[in-house]
Amino acid sequence: MTAKQILVIDDDSDIRKLIQTCLEIMGGWQVLTAKSGNEGLLLAQTAQPDAILLDVMMPDMDGTATVQKLKANPITKHIPVILLTARERTANKALFAELGIKGIISKPFNSHKLAAQVEAALV
């Protein structure tokens, strides 16, 4: 059985590396990373990951716009998305629910909760 593949899209290289290490060790998953929404969209189309962790606040294309493009594309619309945000209180939860977001994780995050939420999205 091959390991599940998780795509992490975040503009902060330290966060990407921390999440990658956490998911590889705790979940045994293969982790792909992208530093922007555009890079993440291309990688999602080509790699077809099992789930996507997506930062809400990024330059150029924010997480909301990235999710809208993922969900509008027949190739990527089925991929579960979990949002990462530093400002959960101001997150537009109604919009996120409408977009089919599988969860919202606040930064800073607990590595055990992060792995558990990714596991839940993969079911």
PDB file of N, CA and C in Angstrom:
ATOM      1  N   MET A   1       0.841  -1.184   0.000  1.00  0.00           N
ATOM      2  CA  MET A   1       0.000   0.000   0.000  1.00  0.00           C
ATOM      3  C   MET A   1       0.878   1.235   0.000  1.00  0.00           C
ATOM      4  N   THR A   2       0.615   2.164  -0.895  1.00  0.00           N
ATOM      5  CA  THR A   2       1.426   3.375  -0.976  1.00  0.00           C
ATOM      6  C   THR A   2       0.937   4.403   0.029  1.00  0.00           C
ATOM      7  N   ALA A   3       1.867   5.229   0.485  1.00  0.00           N
ATOM      8  CA  ALA A   3       1.540   6.270   1.448  1.00  0.00           C
ATOM      9  C   ALA A   3       0.659   7.327   0.795  1.00  0.00           C
ATOM     10  N   LYS A   4      -0.243   7.875   1.583  1.00  0.00           N
ATOM     11  CA  LYS A   4      -1.078   8.980   1.110  1.00  0.00           C
ATOM     12  C   LYS A   4      -0.181  10.177   0.854  1.00  0.00           C
ATOM     13  N   GLN A   5      -0.614  11.001  -0.081  1.00  0.00           N
ATOM     14  CA  GLN A   5       0.166  12.170  -0.481  1.00  0.00           C
ATOM     15  C   GLN A   5      -0.576  13.441  -0.053  1.00  0.00           C
ATOM     16  N   ILE A   6       0.121  14.307   0.669  1.00  0.00           N
ATOM     17  CA  ILE A   6      -0.450  15.546   1.168  1.00  0.00           C
ATOM     18  C   ILE A   6       0.308  16.712   0.533  1.00  0.00           C
ATOM     19  N   LEU A   7      -0.442  17.682   0.028  1.00  0.00           N
ATOM     20  CA  LEU A   7       0.153  18.900  -0.531  1.00  0.00           C
ATOM     21  C   LEU A   7      -0.003  20.025   0.476  1.00  0.00           C
ATOM     22  N   VAL A   8       1.105  20.668   0.829  1.00  0.00           N
ATOM     23  CA  VAL A   8       1.098  21.812   1.739  1.00  0.00           C
ATOM     24  C   VAL A   8       1.398  23.062   0.916  1.00  0.00           C
ATOM     25  N   ILE A   9       0.468  24.030   0.947  1.00  0.00           N
ATOM     26  CA  ILE A   9       0.650  25.290   0.229  1.00  0.00           C
ATOM     27  C   ILE A   9       0.726  26.403   1.267  1.00  0.00           C
ATOM     28  N   ASP A  10       1.912  26.985   1.419  1.00  0.00           N
ATOM     29  CA  ASP A  10       2.129  28.062   2.391  1.00  0.00           C
ATOM     30  C   ASP A  10       3.321  28.882   1.918  1.00  0.00           C
ATOM     31  N   ASP A  11       3.219  30.199   2.044  1.00  0.00           N
ATOM     32  CA  ASP A  11       4.303  31.064   1.580  1.00  0.00           C
ATOM     33  C   ASP A  11       5.476  31.115   2.555  1.00  0.00           C
ATOM     34  N   ASP A  12       5.303  30.610   3.765  1.00  0.00           N
ATOM     35  CA  ASP A  12       6.359  30.636   4.785  1.00  0.00           C
ATOM     36  C   ASP A  12       7.138  29.318   4.737  1.00  0.00           C
ATOM     37  N   SER A  13       8.411  29.390   4.357  1.00  0.00           N
ATOM     38  CA  SER A  13       9.220  28.175   4.202  1.00  0.00           C
ATOM     39  C   SER A  13       9.397  27.422   5.520  1.00  0.00           C
ATOM     40  N   ASP A  14       9.478  28.137   6.645  1.00  0.00           N
ATOM     41  CA  ASP A  14       9.625  27.468   7.943  1.00  0.00           C
ATOM     42  C   ASP A  14       8.369  26.669   8.286  1.00  0.00           C
ATOM     43  N   ILE A  15       7.205  27.236   8.019  1.00  0.00           N
ATOM     44  CA  ILE A  15       5.939  26.534   8.281  1.00  0.00           C
ATOM     45  C   ILE A  15       5.827  25.305   7.383  1.00  0.00           C
ATOM     46  N   ARG A  16       6.178  25.470   6.097  1.00  0.00           N
ATOM     47  CA  ARG A  16       6.123  24.324   5.175  1.00  0.00           C
ATOM     48  C   ARG A  16       6.991  23.184   5.685  1.00  0.00           C
ATOM     49  N   LYS A  17       8.198  23.490   6.100  1.00  0.00           N
ATOM     50  CA  LYS A  17       9.132  22.457   6.564  1.00  0.00           C
ATOM     51  C   LYS A  17       8.633  21.810   7.854  1.00  0.00           C
ATOM     52  N   LEU A  18       8.106  22.615   8.776  1.00  0.00           N
ATOM     53  CA  LEU A  18       7.577  22.089  10.033  1.00  0.00           C
ATOM     54  C   LEU A  18       6.405  21.144   9.782  1.00  0.00           C
ATOM     55  N   ILE A  19       5.480  21.553   8.920  1.00  0.00           N
ATOM     56  CA  ILE A  19       4.331  20.707   8.604  1.00  0.00           C
ATOM     57  C   ILE A  19       4.779  19.439   7.883  1.00  0.00           C
ATOM     58  N   GLN A  20       5.705  19.587   6.957  1.00  0.00           N
ATOM     59  CA  GLN A  20       6.209  18.427   6.223  1.00  0.00           C
ATOM     60  C   GLN A  20       6.806  17.407   7.183  1.00  0.00           C
ATOM     61  N   THR A  21       7.648  17.841   8.076  1.00  0.00           N
ATOM     62  CA  THR A  21       8.286  16.949   9.044  1.00  0.00           C
ATOM     63  C   THR A  21       7.237  16.283   9.933  1.00  0.00           C
ATOM     64  N   CYS A  22       6.304  17.078  10.425  1.00  0.00           N
ATOM     65  CA  CYS A  22       5.245  16.560  11.295  1.00  0.00           C
ATOM     66  C   CYS A  22       4.433  15.473  10.592  1.00  0.00           C
ATOM     67  N   LEU A  23       3.994  15.739   9.377  1.00  0.00           N
ATOM     68  CA  LEU A  23       3.138  14.785   8.663  1.00  0.00           C
ATOM     69  C   LEU A  23       3.892  13.534   8.224  1.00  0.00           C
ATOM     70  N   GLU A  24       5.156  13.692   7.870  1.00  0.00           N
ATOM     71  CA  GLU A  24       5.951  12.529   7.479  1.00  0.00           C
ATOM     72  C   GLU A  24       6.202  11.614   8.675  1.00  0.00           C
ATOM     73  N   ILE A  25       6.513  12.215   9.826  1.00  0.00           N
ATOM     74  CA  ILE A  25       6.823  11.418  11.015  1.00  0.00           C
ATOM     75  C   ILE A  25       5.562  10.866  11.668  1.00  0.00           C
ATOM     76  N   MET A  26       4.577  11.713  11.883  1.00  0.00           N
ATOM     77  CA  MET A  26       3.381  11.301  12.630  1.00  0.00           C
ATOM     78  C   MET A  26       2.383  10.510  11.785  1.00  0.00           C
ATOM     79  N   GLY A  27       2.305  10.831  10.500  1.00  0.00           N
ATOM     80  CA  GLY A  27       1.314  10.163   9.670  1.00  0.00           C
ATOM     81  C   GLY A  27       1.880   9.167   8.687  1.00  0.00           C
ATOM     82  N   GLY A  28       3.186   9.256   8.460  1.00  0.00           N
ATOM     83  CA  GLY A  28       3.800   8.376   7.471  1.00  0.00           C
ATOM     84  C   GLY A  28       3.414   8.741   6.039  1.00  0.00           C
ATOM     85  N   TRP A  29       2.966   9.983   5.848  1.00  0.00           N
ATOM     86  CA  TRP A  29       2.520  10.421   4.534  1.00  0.00           C
ATOM     87  C   TRP A  29       3.659  11.024   3.719  1.00  0.00           C
ATOM     88  N   GLN A  30       3.496  10.993   2.404  1.00  0.00           N
ATOM     89  CA  GLN A  30       4.419  11.682   1.507  1.00  0.00           C
ATOM     90  C   GLN A  30       3.921  13.125   1.406  1.00  0.00           C
ATOM     91  N   VAL A  31       4.805  14.077   1.584  1.00  0.00           N
ATOM     92  CA  VAL A  31       4.396  15.478   1.607  1.00  0.00           C
ATOM     93  C   VAL A  31       5.047  16.242   0.464  1.00  0.00           C
ATOM     94  N   LEU A  32       4.208  16.922  -0.305  1.00  0.00           N
ATOM     95  CA  LEU A  32       4.654  17.829  -1.361  1.00  0.00           C
ATOM     96  C   LEU A  32       4.423  19.239  -0.853  1.00  0.00           C
ATOM     97  N   THR A  33       5.262  20.188  -1.292  1.00  0.00           N
ATOM     98  CA  THR A  33       5.070  21.558  -0.831  1.00  0.00           C
ATOM     99  C   THR A  33       5.079  22.533  -1.997  1.00  0.00           C
ATOM    100  N   ALA A  34       4.336  23.620  -1.786  1.00  0.00           N
ATOM    101  CA  ALA A  34       4.289  24.716  -2.759  1.00  0.00           C
ATOM    102  C   ALA A  34       4.309  26.026  -1.977  1.00  0.00           C
ATOM    103  N   LYS A  35       4.963  27.043  -2.543  1.00  0.00           N
ATOM    104  CA  LYS A  35       5.109  28.306  -1.829  1.00  0.00           C
ATOM    105  C   LYS A  35       4.097  29.372  -2.240  1.00  0.00           C
ATOM    106  N   SER A  36       3.205  29.051  -3.175  1.00  0.00           N
ATOM    107  CA  SER A  36       2.199  30.030  -3.610  1.00  0.00           C
ATOM    108  C   SER A  36       0.948  29.296  -4.093  1.00  0.00           C
ATOM    109  N   GLY A  37      -0.136  30.059  -4.181  1.00  0.00           N
ATOM    110  CA  GLY A  37      -1.371  29.485  -4.692  1.00  0.00           C
ATOM    111  C   GLY A  37      -1.215  28.960  -6.107  1.00  0.00           C
ATOM    112  N   ASN A  38      -0.562  29.730  -6.965  1.00  0.00           N
ATOM    113  CA  ASN A  38      -0.377  29.299  -8.355  1.00  0.00           C
ATOM    114  C   ASN A  38       0.451  28.026  -8.450  1.00  0.00           C
ATOM    115  N   GLU A  39       1.536  27.972  -7.694  1.00  0.00           N
ATOM    116  CA  GLU A  39       2.380  26.766  -7.686  1.00  0.00           C
ATOM    117  C   GLU A  39       1.589  25.578  -7.139  1.00  0.00           C
ATOM    118  N   GLY A  40       0.787  25.822  -6.107  1.00  0.00           N
ATOM    119  CA  GLY A  40      -0.026  24.773  -5.526  1.00  0.00           C
ATOM    120  C   GLY A  40      -1.079  24.241  -6.489  1.00  0.00           C
ATOM    121  N   LEU A  41      -1.703  25.136  -7.260  1.00  0.00           N
ATOM    122  CA  LEU A  41      -2.703  24.710  -8.247  1.00  0.00           C
ATOM    123  C   LEU A  41      -2.083  23.786  -9.285  1.00  0.00           C
ATOM    124  N   LEU A  42      -0.916  24.151  -9.775  1.00  0.00           N
ATOM    125  CA  LEU A  42      -0.233  23.313 -10.770  1.00  0.00           C
ATOM    126  C   LEU A  42       0.142  21.951 -10.185  1.00  0.00           C
ATOM    127  N   LEU A  43       0.663  21.963  -8.974  1.00  0.00           N
ATOM    128  CA  LEU A  43       1.069  20.716  -8.325  1.00  0.00           C
ATOM    129  C   LEU A  43      -0.145  19.839  -8.018  1.00  0.00           C
ATOM    130  N   ALA A  44      -1.251  20.452  -7.612  1.00  0.00           N
ATOM    131  CA  ALA A  44      -2.469  19.688  -7.336  1.00  0.00           C
ATOM    132  C   ALA A  44      -2.978  18.993  -8.593  1.00  0.00           C
ATOM    133  N   GLN A  45      -2.904  19.678  -9.723  1.00  0.00           N
ATOM    134  CA  GLN A  45      -3.360  19.093 -10.987  1.00  0.00           C
ATOM    135  C   GLN A  45      -2.478  17.930 -11.428  1.00  0.00           C
ATOM    136  N   THR A  46      -1.178  18.093 -11.298  1.00  0.00           N
ATOM    137  CA  THR A  46      -0.268  17.068 -11.792  1.00  0.00           C
ATOM    138  C   THR A  46      -0.102  15.898 -10.823  1.00  0.00           C
ATOM    139  N   ALA A  47      -0.031  16.176  -9.510  1.00  0.00           N
ATOM    140  CA  ALA A  47       0.238  15.125  -8.525  1.00  0.00           C
ATOM    141  C   ALA A  47      -1.026  14.458  -7.995  1.00  0.00           C
ATOM    142  N   GLN A  48      -2.167  15.147  -8.067  1.00  0.00           N
ATOM    143  CA  GLN A  48      -3.426  14.607  -7.538  1.00  0.00           C
ATOM    144  C   GLN A  48      -3.256  14.112  -6.094  1.00  0.00           C
ATOM    145  N   PRO A  49      -2.901  15.020  -5.161  1.00  0.00           N
ATOM    146  CA  PRO A  49      -2.692  14.587  -3.773  1.00  0.00           C
ATOM    147  C   PRO A  49      -4.001  14.119  -3.130  1.00  0.00           C
ATOM    148  N   ASP A  50      -3.868  13.406  -2.022  1.00  0.00           N
ATOM    149  CA  ASP A  50      -5.032  12.900  -1.301  1.00  0.00           C
ATOM    150  C   ASP A  50      -5.682  13.973  -0.435  1.00  0.00           C
ATOM    151  N   ALA A  51      -4.927  15.011  -0.073  1.00  0.00           N
ATOM    152  CA  ALA A  51      -5.452  16.132   0.708  1.00  0.00           C
ATOM    153  C   ALA A  51      -4.520  17.333   0.525  1.00  0.00           C
ATOM    154  N   ILE A  52      -5.067  18.520   0.802  1.00  0.00           N
ATOM    155  CA  ILE A  52      -4.290  19.756   0.684  1.00  0.00           C
ATOM    156  C   ILE A  52      -4.424  20.547   1.979  1.00  0.00           C
ATOM    157  N   LEU A  53      -3.284  20.990   2.523  1.00  0.00           N
ATOM    158  CA  LEU A  53      -3.246  21.949   3.622  1.00  0.00           C
ATOM    159  C   LEU A  53      -2.898  23.288   2.996  1.00  0.00           C
ATOM    160  N   LEU A  54      -3.738  24.289   3.200  1.00  0.00           N
ATOM    161  CA  LEU A  54      -3.627  25.544   2.472  1.00  0.00           C
ATOM    162  C   LEU A  54      -3.662  26.740   3.409  1.00  0.00           C
ATOM    163  N   ASP A  55      -2.637  27.576   3.344  1.00  0.00           N
ATOM    164  CA  ASP A  55      -2.580  28.812   4.121  1.00  0.00           C
ATOM    165  C   ASP A  55      -3.619  29.795   3.575  1.00  0.00           C
ATOM    166  N   VAL A  56      -4.319  30.475   4.476  1.00  0.00           N
ATOM    167  CA  VAL A  56      -5.337  31.442   4.048  1.00  0.00           C
ATOM    168  C   VAL A  56      -4.698  32.735   3.562  1.00  0.00           C
ATOM    169  N   MET A  57      -3.709  33.240   4.310  1.00  0.00           N
ATOM    170  CA  MET A  57      -3.117  34.537   3.985  1.00  0.00           C
ATOM    171  C   MET A  57      -1.795  34.365   3.247  1.00  0.00           C
ATOM    172  N   MET A  58      -1.840  34.561   1.928  1.00  0.00           N
ATOM    173  CA  MET A  58      -0.639  34.491   1.100  1.00  0.00           C
ATOM    174  C   MET A  58      -0.661  35.665   0.128  1.00  0.00           C
ATOM    175  N   PRO A  59       0.521  36.134  -0.271  1.00  0.00           N
ATOM    176  CA  PRO A  59       0.556  37.191  -1.287  1.00  0.00           C
ATOM    177  C   PRO A  59       0.136  36.625  -2.648  1.00  0.00           C
ATOM    178  N   ASP A  60      -0.152  37.480  -3.569  1.00  0.00           N
ATOM    179  CA  ASP A  60      -0.555  37.128  -4.936  1.00  0.00           C
ATOM    180  C   ASP A  60      -1.944  36.499  -4.976  1.00  0.00           C
ATOM    181  N   MET A  61      -2.088  35.262  -4.530  1.00  0.00           N
ATOM    182  CA  MET A  61      -3.385  34.590  -4.517  1.00  0.00           C
ATOM    183  C   MET A  61      -3.601  34.016  -3.124  1.00  0.00           C
ATOM    184  N   ASP A  62      -4.611  34.529  -2.405  1.00  0.00           N
ATOM    185  CA  ASP A  62      -4.839  34.040  -1.048  1.00  0.00           C
ATOM    186  C   ASP A  62      -5.491  32.655  -1.064  1.00  0.00           C
ATOM    187  N   GLY A  63      -5.651  32.090   0.119  1.00  0.00           N
ATOM    188  CA  GLY A  63      -6.187  30.748   0.230  1.00  0.00           C
ATOM    189  C   GLY A  63      -7.608  30.619  -0.309  1.00  0.00           C
ATOM    190  N   THR A  64      -8.439  31.637  -0.072  1.00  0.00           N
ATOM    191  CA  THR A  64      -9.821  31.581  -0.559  1.00  0.00           C
ATOM    192  C   THR A  64      -9.855  31.498  -2.079  1.00  0.00           C
ATOM    193  N   ALA A  65      -9.081  32.343  -2.751  1.00  0.00           N
ATOM    194  CA  ALA A  65      -9.035  32.311  -4.221  1.00  0.00           C
ATOM    195  C   ALA A  65      -8.466  30.984  -4.716  1.00  0.00           C
ATOM    196  N   THR A  66      -7.477  30.458  -4.013  1.00  0.00           N
ATOM    197  CA  THR A  66      -6.877  29.184  -4.395  1.00  0.00           C
ATOM    198  C   THR A  66      -7.906  28.052  -4.285  1.00  0.00           C
ATOM    199  N   VAL A  67      -8.661  28.034  -3.182  1.00  0.00           N
ATOM    200  CA  VAL A  67      -9.691  27.006  -3.009  1.00  0.00           C
ATOM    201  C   VAL A  67     -10.754  27.124  -4.099  1.00  0.00           C
ATOM    202  N   GLN A  68     -11.165  28.335  -4.404  1.00  0.00           N
ATOM    203  CA  GLN A  68     -12.180  28.527  -5.443  1.00  0.00           C
ATOM    204  C   GLN A  68     -11.706  27.952  -6.774  1.00  0.00           C
ATOM    205  N   LYS A  69     -10.433  28.156  -7.098  1.00  0.00           N
ATOM    206  CA  LYS A  69      -9.894  27.610  -8.343  1.00  0.00           C
ATOM    207  C   LYS A  69      -9.770  26.086  -8.283  1.00  0.00           C
ATOM    208  N   LEU A  70      -9.376  25.562  -7.126  1.00  0.00           N
ATOM    209  CA  LEU A  70      -9.297  24.099  -6.964  1.00  0.00           C
ATOM    210  C   LEU A  70     -10.676  23.462  -7.156  1.00  0.00           C
ATOM    211  N   LYS A  71     -11.699  24.060  -6.545  1.00  0.00           N
ATOM    212  CA  LYS A  71     -13.050  23.501  -6.596  1.00  0.00           C
ATOM    213  C   LYS A  71     -13.708  23.701  -7.964  1.00  0.00           C
ATOM    214  N   ALA A  72     -13.252  24.684  -8.727  1.00  0.00           N
ATOM    215  CA  ALA A  72     -13.806  24.936 -10.060  1.00  0.00           C
ATOM    216  C   ALA A  72     -13.203  24.015 -11.117  1.00  0.00           C
ATOM    217  N   ASN A  73     -12.089  23.374 -10.793  1.00  0.00           N
ATOM    218  CA  ASN A  73     -11.385  22.516 -11.738  1.00  0.00           C
ATOM    219  C   ASN A  73     -11.833  21.058 -11.547  1.00  0.00           C
ATOM    220  N   PRO A  74     -12.372  20.415 -12.582  1.00  0.00           N
ATOM    221  CA  PRO A  74     -12.820  19.023 -12.446  1.00  0.00           C
ATOM    222  C   PRO A  74     -11.717  18.057 -12.004  1.00  0.00           C
ATOM    223  N   ILE A  75     -10.469  18.397 -12.289  1.00  0.00           N
ATOM    224  CA  ILE A  75      -9.354  17.522 -11.933  1.00  0.00           C
ATOM    225  C   ILE A  75      -9.047  17.580 -10.431  1.00  0.00           C
ATOM    226  N   THR A  76      -9.309  18.740  -9.794  1.00  0.00           N
ATOM    227  CA  THR A  76      -8.923  18.918  -8.389  1.00  0.00           C
ATOM    228  C   THR A  76     -10.095  19.131  -7.428  1.00  0.00           C
ATOM    229  N   LYS A  77     -11.304  19.211  -7.934  1.00  0.00           N
ATOM    230  CA  LYS A  77     -12.436  19.574  -7.066  1.00  0.00           C
ATOM    231  C   LYS A  77     -12.736  18.540  -5.979  1.00  0.00           C
ATOM    232  N   HIS A  78     -12.332  17.299  -6.179  1.00  0.00           N
ATOM    233  CA  HIS A  78     -12.596  16.240  -5.202  1.00  0.00           C
ATOM    234  C   HIS A  78     -11.586  16.194  -4.054  1.00  0.00           C
ATOM    235  N   ILE A  79     -10.481  16.926  -4.163  1.00  0.00           N
ATOM    236  CA  ILE A  79      -9.408  16.842  -3.162  1.00  0.00           C
ATOM    237  C   ILE A  79      -9.827  17.599  -1.894  1.00  0.00           C
ATOM    238  N   PRO A  80      -9.830  16.941  -0.723  1.00  0.00           N
ATOM    239  CA  PRO A  80     -10.184  17.630   0.515  1.00  0.00           C
ATOM    240  C   PRO A  80      -9.157  18.708   0.854  1.00  0.00           C
ATOM    241  N   VAL A  81      -9.654  19.854   1.320  1.00  0.00           N
ATOM    242  CA  VAL A  81      -8.791  20.981   1.665  1.00  0.00           C
ATOM    243  C   VAL A  81      -8.995  21.346   3.133  1.00  0.00           C
ATOM    244  N   ILE A  82      -7.879  21.507   3.842  1.00  0.00           N
ATOM    245  CA  ILE A  82      -7.873  22.003   5.219  1.00  0.00           C
ATOM    246  C   ILE A  82      -7.137  23.335   5.190  1.00  0.00           C
ATOM    247  N   LEU A  83      -7.741  24.356   5.777  1.00  0.00           N
ATOM    248  CA  LEU A  83      -7.133  25.672   5.784  1.00  0.00           C
ATOM    249  C   LEU A  83      -6.275  25.887   7.022  1.00  0.00           C
ATOM    250  N   LEU A  84      -5.173  26.600   6.836  1.00  0.00           N
ATOM    251  CA  LEU A  84      -4.292  27.022   7.926  1.00  0.00           C
ATOM    252  C   LEU A  84      -4.434  28.531   8.055  1.00  0.00           C
ATOM    253  N   THR A  85      -4.715  29.015   9.259  1.00  0.00           N
ATOM    254  CA  THR A  85      -4.871  30.450   9.420  1.00  0.00           C
ATOM    255  C   THR A  85      -4.312  30.930  10.750  1.00  0.00           C
ATOM    256  N   ALA A  86      -3.743  32.106  10.727  1.00  0.00           N
ATOM    257  CA  ALA A  86      -3.253  32.742  11.942  1.00  0.00           C
ATOM    258  C   ALA A  86      -4.378  33.540  12.601  1.00  0.00           C
ATOM    259  N   ARG A  87      -5.477  33.726  11.883  1.00  0.00           N
ATOM    260  CA  ARG A  87      -6.585  34.543  12.391  1.00  0.00           C
ATOM    261  C   ARG A  87      -7.912  33.802  12.257  1.00  0.00           C
ATOM    262  N   GLU A  88      -8.088  32.771  13.058  1.00  0.00           N
ATOM    263  CA  GLU A  88      -9.305  31.959  12.947  1.00  0.00           C
ATOM    264  C   GLU A  88     -10.559  32.771  13.270  1.00  0.00           C
ATOM    265  N   ARG A  89     -10.454  33.722  14.170  1.00  0.00           N
ATOM    266  CA  ARG A  89     -11.633  34.504  14.550  1.00  0.00           C
ATOM    267  C   ARG A  89     -12.177  35.333  13.391  1.00  0.00           C
ATOM    268  N   THR A  90     -11.296  35.775  12.512  1.00  0.00           N
ATOM    269  CA  THR A  90     -11.753  36.602  11.394  1.00  0.00           C
ATOM    270  C   THR A  90     -11.977  35.786  10.123  1.00  0.00           C
ATOM    271  N   ALA A  91     -11.771  34.486  10.214  1.00  0.00           N
ATOM    272  CA  ALA A  91     -11.958  33.627   9.038  1.00  0.00           C
ATOM    273  C   ALA A  91     -13.431  33.621   8.629  1.00  0.00           C
ATOM    274  N   ASN A  92     -13.670  33.625   7.340  1.00  0.00           N
ATOM    275  CA  ASN A  92     -15.027  33.625   6.811  1.00  0.00           C
ATOM    276  C   ASN A  92     -15.552  32.187   6.780  1.00  0.00           C
ATOM    277  N   LYS A  93     -16.036  31.726   7.930  1.00  0.00           N
ATOM    278  CA  LYS A  93     -16.432  30.323   8.062  1.00  0.00           C
ATOM    279  C   LYS A  93     -17.606  29.960   7.165  1.00  0.00           C
ATOM    280  N   ALA A  94     -18.512  30.906   6.928  1.00  0.00           N
ATOM    281  CA  ALA A  94     -19.656  30.620   6.051  1.00  0.00           C
ATOM    282  C   ALA A  94     -19.166  30.346   4.626  1.00  0.00           C
ATOM    283  N   LEU A  95     -18.247  31.176   4.140  1.00  0.00           N
ATOM    284  CA  LEU A  95     -17.689  30.973   2.801  1.00  0.00           C
ATOM    285  C   LEU A  95     -16.922  29.658   2.742  1.00  0.00           C
ATOM    286  N   PHE A  96     -16.139  29.377   3.777  1.00  0.00           N
ATOM    287  CA  PHE A  96     -15.354  28.154   3.800  1.00  0.00           C
ATOM    288  C   PHE A  96     -16.267  26.924   3.774  1.00  0.00           C
ATOM    289  N   ALA A  97     -17.366  26.971   4.512  1.00  0.00           N
ATOM    290  CA  ALA A  97     -18.319  25.857   4.508  1.00  0.00           C
ATOM    291  C   ALA A  97     -18.928  25.689   3.122  1.00  0.00           C
ATOM    292  N   GLU A  98     -19.242  26.800   2.478  1.00  0.00           N
ATOM    293  CA  GLU A  98     -19.805  26.770   1.123  1.00  0.00           C
ATOM    294  C   GLU A  98     -18.824  26.147   0.130  1.00  0.00           C
ATOM    295  N   LEU A  99     -17.537  26.376   0.351  1.00  0.00           N
ATOM    296  CA  LEU A  99     -16.503  25.839  -0.529  1.00  0.00           C
ATOM    297  C   LEU A  99     -16.149  24.391  -0.209  1.00  0.00           C
ATOM    298  N   GLY A 100     -16.734  23.839   0.834  1.00  0.00           N
ATOM    299  CA  GLY A 100     -16.483  22.437   1.168  1.00  0.00           C
ATOM    300  C   GLY A 100     -15.189  22.194   1.905  1.00  0.00           C
ATOM    301  N   ILE A 101     -14.727  23.182   2.651  1.00  0.00           N
ATOM    302  CA  ILE A 101     -13.492  23.031   3.417  1.00  0.00           C
ATOM    303  C   ILE A 101     -13.679  21.943   4.477  1.00  0.00           C
ATOM    304  N   LYS A 102     -12.692  21.054   4.608  1.00  0.00           N
ATOM    305  CA  LYS A 102     -12.770  19.938   5.551  1.00  0.00           C
ATOM    306  C   LYS A 102     -12.370  20.312   6.972  1.00  0.00           C
ATOM    307  N   GLY A 103     -11.734  21.472   7.140  1.00  0.00           N
ATOM    308  CA  GLY A 103     -11.337  21.895   8.476  1.00  0.00           C
ATOM    309  C   GLY A 103     -10.523  23.163   8.436  1.00  0.00           C
ATOM    310  N   ILE A 104     -10.393  23.774   9.621  1.00  0.00           N
ATOM    311  CA  ILE A 104      -9.577  24.980   9.773  1.00  0.00           C
ATOM    312  C   ILE A 104      -8.641  24.734  10.946  1.00  0.00           C
ATOM    313  N   ILE A 105      -7.358  24.926  10.713  1.00  0.00           N
ATOM    314  CA  ILE A 105      -6.347  24.758  11.750  1.00  0.00           C
ATOM    315  C   ILE A 105      -5.719  26.114  12.019  1.00  0.00           C
ATOM    316  N   SER A 106      -5.687  26.496  13.295  1.00  0.00           N
ATOM    317  CA  SER A 106      -5.100  27.769  13.690  1.00  0.00           C
ATOM    318  C   SER A 106      -3.595  27.641  13.872  1.00  0.00           C
ATOM    319  N   LYS A 107      -2.891  28.683  13.452  1.00  0.00           N
ATOM    320  CA  LYS A 107      -1.455  28.775  13.714  1.00  0.00           C
ATOM    321  C   LYS A 107      -1.291  29.619  14.978  1.00  0.00           C
ATOM    322  N   PRO A 108      -0.402  29.273  15.874  1.00  0.00           N
ATOM    323  CA  PRO A 108       0.419  28.067  15.852  1.00  0.00           C
ATOM    324  C   PRO A 108      -0.459  26.841  16.117  1.00  0.00           C
ATOM    325  N   PHE A 109      -0.031  25.714  15.596  1.00  0.00           N
ATOM    326  CA  PHE A 109      -0.837  24.502  15.686  1.00  0.00           C
ATOM    327  C   PHE A 109      -0.155  23.451  16.540  1.00  0.00           C
ATOM    328  N   ASN A 110      -0.963  22.541  17.056  1.00  0.00           N
ATOM    329  CA  ASN A 110      -0.483  21.385  17.797  1.00  0.00           C
ATOM    330  C   ASN A 110      -0.231  20.281  16.773  1.00  0.00           C
ATOM    331  N   SER A 111       0.951  19.705  16.760  1.00  0.00           N
ATOM    332  CA  SER A 111       1.296  18.719  15.731  1.00  0.00           C
ATOM    333  C   SER A 111       0.396  17.485  15.772  1.00  0.00           C
ATOM    334  N   HIS A 112      -0.028  17.068  16.973  1.00  0.00           N
ATOM    335  CA  HIS A 112      -0.915  15.909  17.074  1.00  0.00           C
ATOM    336  C   HIS A 112      -2.287  16.214  16.478  1.00  0.00           C
ATOM    337  N   LYS A 113      -2.804  17.415  16.764  1.00  0.00           N
ATOM    338  CA  LYS A 113      -4.107  17.811  16.209  1.00  0.00           C
ATOM    339  C   LYS A 113      -4.023  17.981  14.700  1.00  0.00           C
ATOM    340  N   LEU A 114      -2.901  18.509  14.225  1.00  0.00           N
ATOM    341  CA  LEU A 114      -2.702  18.671  12.783  1.00  0.00           C
ATOM    342  C   LEU A 114      -2.772  17.308  12.098  1.00  0.00           C
ATOM    343  N   ALA A 115      -2.017  16.348  12.599  1.00  0.00           N
ATOM    344  CA  ALA A 115      -2.003  15.016  12.013  1.00  0.00           C
ATOM    345  C   ALA A 115      -3.383  14.356  12.095  1.00  0.00           C
ATOM    346  N   ALA A 116      -4.083  14.561  13.215  1.00  0.00           N
ATOM    347  CA  ALA A 116      -5.421  13.973  13.373  1.00  0.00           C
ATOM    348  C   ALA A 116      -6.411  14.587  12.395  1.00  0.00           C
ATOM    349  N   GLN A 117      -6.318  15.889  12.163  1.00  0.00           N
ATOM    350  CA  GLN A 117      -7.256  16.523  11.245  1.00  0.00           C
ATOM    351  C   GLN A 117      -6.980  16.097   9.803  1.00  0.00           C
ATOM    352  N   VAL A 118      -5.720  15.924   9.452  1.00  0.00           N
ATOM    353  CA  VAL A 118      -5.389  15.425   8.106  1.00  0.00           C
ATOM    354  C   VAL A 118      -5.912  13.995   7.965  1.00  0.00           C
ATOM    355  N   GLU A 119      -5.716  13.179   8.984  1.00  0.00           N
ATOM    356  CA  GLU A 119      -6.209  11.804   8.960  1.00  0.00           C
ATOM    357  C   GLU A 119      -7.736  11.775   8.737  1.00  0.00           C
ATOM    358  N   ALA A 120      -8.443  12.647   9.448  1.00  0.00           N
ATOM    359  CA  ALA A 120      -9.905  12.711   9.306  1.00  0.00           C
ATOM    360  C   ALA A 120     -10.318  13.128   7.895  1.00  0.00           C
ATOM    361  N   ALA A 121      -9.565  14.021   7.274  1.00  0.00           N
ATOM    362  CA  ALA A 121      -9.891  14.488   5.922  1.00  0.00           C
ATOM    363  C   ALA A 121      -9.653  13.400   4.887  1.00  0.00           C
ATOM    364  N   LEU A 122      -8.776  12.460   5.191  1.00  0.00           N
ATOM    365  CA  LEU A 122      -8.446  11.397   4.249  1.00  0.00           C
ATOM    366  C   LEU A 122      -9.486  10.273   4.229  1.00  0.00           C
ATOM    367  N   VAL A 123     -10.376  10.257   5.181  1.00  0.00           N
ATOM    368  CA  VAL A 123     -11.397   9.187   5.269  1.00  0.00           C
ATOM    369  C   VAL A 123     -12.497   9.407   4.253  1.00  0.00           C
TER     370      VAL A 123
END
